[in-house]
C-alpha atoms as a PDB file:
ATOM      1  CA  MET A   1       0.137  -0.046   0.042  1.00  0.00           C
ATOM      2  CA  GLU A   2       2.970   2.277   0.576  1.00  0.00           C
ATOM      3  CA  GLY A   3       3.626   2.498  -3.265  1.00  0.00           C
ATOM      4  CA  ALA A   4      -0.068   3.599  -3.803  1.00  0.00           C
ATOM      5  CA  ASP A   5       0.405   6.739  -1.620  1.00  0.00           C
ATOM      6  CA  ARG A   6       3.336   7.897  -3.609  1.00  0.00           C
ATOM      7  CA  THR A   7       2.756  11.022  -5.553  1.00  0.00           C
ATOM      8  CA  LYS A   8       4.056  11.255  -9.222  1.00  0.00           C
ATOM      9  CA  GLU A   9       6.540  14.013 -10.154  1.00  0.00           C
ATOM     10  CA  THR A  10       5.364  16.242 -13.132  1.00  0.00           C
ATOM     11  CA  ARG A  11       7.807  16.570 -15.951  1.00  0.00           C
ATOM     12  CA  THR A  12       7.479  18.211 -19.474  1.00  0.00           C
ATOM     13  CA  ALA A  13       7.517  16.043 -22.542  1.00  0.00           C
ATOM     14  CA  GLU A  14      10.802  17.477 -23.459  1.00  0.00           C
ATOM     15  CA  GLU A  15      12.341  16.537 -19.936  1.00  0.00           C
ATOM     16  CA  LEU A  16      11.075  13.018 -20.348  1.00  0.00           C
ATOM     17  CA  GLU A  17      12.466  12.739 -23.798  1.00  0.00           C
ATOM     18  CA  ARG A  18      15.766  13.789 -22.682  1.00  0.00           C
ATOM     19  CA  MET A  19      15.773  11.353 -19.771  1.00  0.00           C
ATOM     20  CA  ILE A  20      14.890   8.368 -21.860  1.00  0.00           C
ATOM     21  CA  LEU A  21      17.248   9.230 -24.445  1.00  0.00           C
ATOM     22  CA  GLN A  22      20.100   9.681 -21.846  1.00  0.00           C
ATOM     23  CA  ASP A  23      19.389   6.156 -20.490  1.00  0.00           C
ATOM     24  CA  LEU A  24      19.400   4.674 -23.988  1.00  0.00           C
ATOM     25  CA  ARG A  25      22.824   6.268 -24.692  1.00  0.00           C
ATOM     26  CA  ASN A  26      24.186   4.161 -21.790  1.00  0.00           C
ATOM     27  CA  VAL A  27      23.505   1.068 -23.755  1.00  0.00           C
ATOM     28  CA  ASP A  28      26.557  -0.165 -25.990  1.00  0.00           C
ATOM     29  CA  GLY A  29      25.728   0.120 -29.616  1.00  0.00           C
ATOM     30  CA  CYS A  30      23.368   3.190 -29.355  1.00  0.00           C
ATOM     31  CA  PRO A  31      24.122   5.660 -32.144  1.00  0.00           C
ATOM     32  CA  GLU A  32      25.134   9.113 -31.020  1.00  0.00           C
ATOM     33  CA  ARG A  33      23.145  10.562 -33.911  1.00  0.00           C
ATOM     34  CA  GLY A  34      20.013   9.802 -35.529  1.00  0.00           C
ATOM     35  CA  VAL A  35      17.862   8.449 -32.507  1.00  0.00           C
ATOM     36  CA  SER A  36      14.913  10.285 -31.288  1.00  0.00           C
ATOM     37  CA  VAL A  37      12.362   9.922 -28.735  1.00  0.00           C
ATOM     38  CA  THR A  38       8.979  11.491 -28.654  1.00  0.00           C
ATOM     39  CA  VAL A  39       6.611  11.624 -25.742  1.00  0.00           C
ATOM     40  CA  TYR A  40       2.907  12.141 -26.475  1.00  0.00           C
ATOM     41  CA  GLY A  41      -0.593  11.936 -24.888  1.00  0.00           C
ATOM     42  CA  ILE A  42      -2.134  11.886 -21.607  1.00  0.00           C
ATOM     43  CA  PRO A  43      -1.607   9.415 -20.070  1.00  0.00           C
ATOM     44  CA  TRP A  44       1.530   9.716 -21.783  1.00  0.00           C
ATOM     45  CA  ASN A  45       3.376   7.244 -23.980  1.00  0.00           C
ATOM     46  CA  ALA A  46       6.612   7.438 -25.981  1.00  0.00           C
ATOM     47  CA  MET A  47       7.988   6.489 -29.330  1.00  0.00           C
ATOM     48  CA  LEU A  48      11.513   5.547 -30.520  1.00  0.00           C
ATOM     49  CA  THR A  49      12.682   6.289 -34.031  1.00  0.00           C
ATOM     50  CA  PHE A  50      15.998   5.572 -35.677  1.00  0.00           C
ATOM     51  CA  GLY A  51      16.788   8.121 -38.429  1.00  0.00           C
ATOM     52  CA  ALA A  52      19.171   7.828 -41.474  1.00  0.00           C
ATOM     53  CA  GLU A  53      21.951   9.527 -39.363  1.00  0.00           C
ATOM     54  CA  ALA A  54      21.870   6.449 -37.002  1.00  0.00           C
ATOM     55  CA  GLY A  55      23.222   4.378 -39.745  1.00  0.00           C
ATOM     56  CA  PRO A  56      23.054   0.619 -39.419  1.00  0.00           C
ATOM     57  CA  VAL A  57      22.021  -0.208 -35.863  1.00  0.00           C
ATOM     58  CA  ARG A  58      23.115  -3.710 -35.015  1.00  0.00           C
ATOM     59  CA  ASN A  59      21.271  -3.980 -31.740  1.00  0.00           C
ATOM     60  CA  LYS A  60      18.019  -2.170 -32.729  1.00  0.00           C
ATOM     61  CA  ALA A  61      15.806  -4.934 -31.014  1.00  0.00           C
ATOM     62  CA  GLU A  62      17.869  -4.768 -27.837  1.00  0.00           C
ATOM     63  CA  LEU A  63      17.664  -0.977 -27.860  1.00  0.00           C
ATOM     64  CA  LYS A  64      13.637  -1.013 -28.342  1.00  0.00           C
ATOM     65  CA  LYS A  65      13.334  -3.523 -25.702  1.00  0.00           C
ATOM     66  CA  PHE A  66      15.334  -1.378 -23.258  1.00  0.00           C
ATOM     67  CA  PHE A  67      13.440   1.616 -24.352  1.00  0.00           C
ATOM     68  CA  GLU A  68      10.154  -0.126 -23.432  1.00  0.00           C
ATOM     69  CA  ILE A  69      11.581  -0.953 -19.930  1.00  0.00           C
ATOM     70  CA  ILE A  70      12.725   2.586 -19.253  1.00  0.00           C
ATOM     71  CA  THR A  71       9.308   4.073 -20.520  1.00  0.00           C
ATOM     72  CA  GLU A  72       7.184   1.656 -18.274  1.00  0.00           C
ATOM     73  CA  ARG A  73       9.391   2.673 -15.327  1.00  0.00           C
ATOM     74  CA  MET A  74       9.013   6.484 -16.024  1.00  0.00           C
ATOM     75  CA  GLN A  75       5.363   6.138 -16.558  1.00  0.00           C
ATOM     76  CA  ARG A  76       5.066   4.885 -13.037  1.00  0.00           C
ATOM     77  CA  LEU A  77       7.162   7.814 -11.752  1.00  0.00           C
ATOM     78  CA  TYR A  78       6.086  10.803 -13.820  1.00  0.00           C
ATOM     79  CA  HIS A  79       3.005  12.749 -15.181  1.00  0.00           C
ATOM     80  CA  VAL A  80       3.471  14.710 -18.335  1.00  0.00           C
ATOM     81  CA  SER A  81       2.716  18.436 -18.171  1.00  0.00           C
END
């Protein structure tokens, strides 16, 4: 019951995007360029895209799975303003 009383912090979509991208960049093989995160909606969700600047991404499936884990965790912690 203790977790249910916890109040979510509020962040802007841009803050959440930067936080998610920062976590992704800690994964080996994440491209330095061409990766973007978009936060949208209420309740919020996020989308991960790889542009041409990313080049061939050898571990795209791994990055997408890690992205899902990060997003799920942040959805429990943050509201979007």
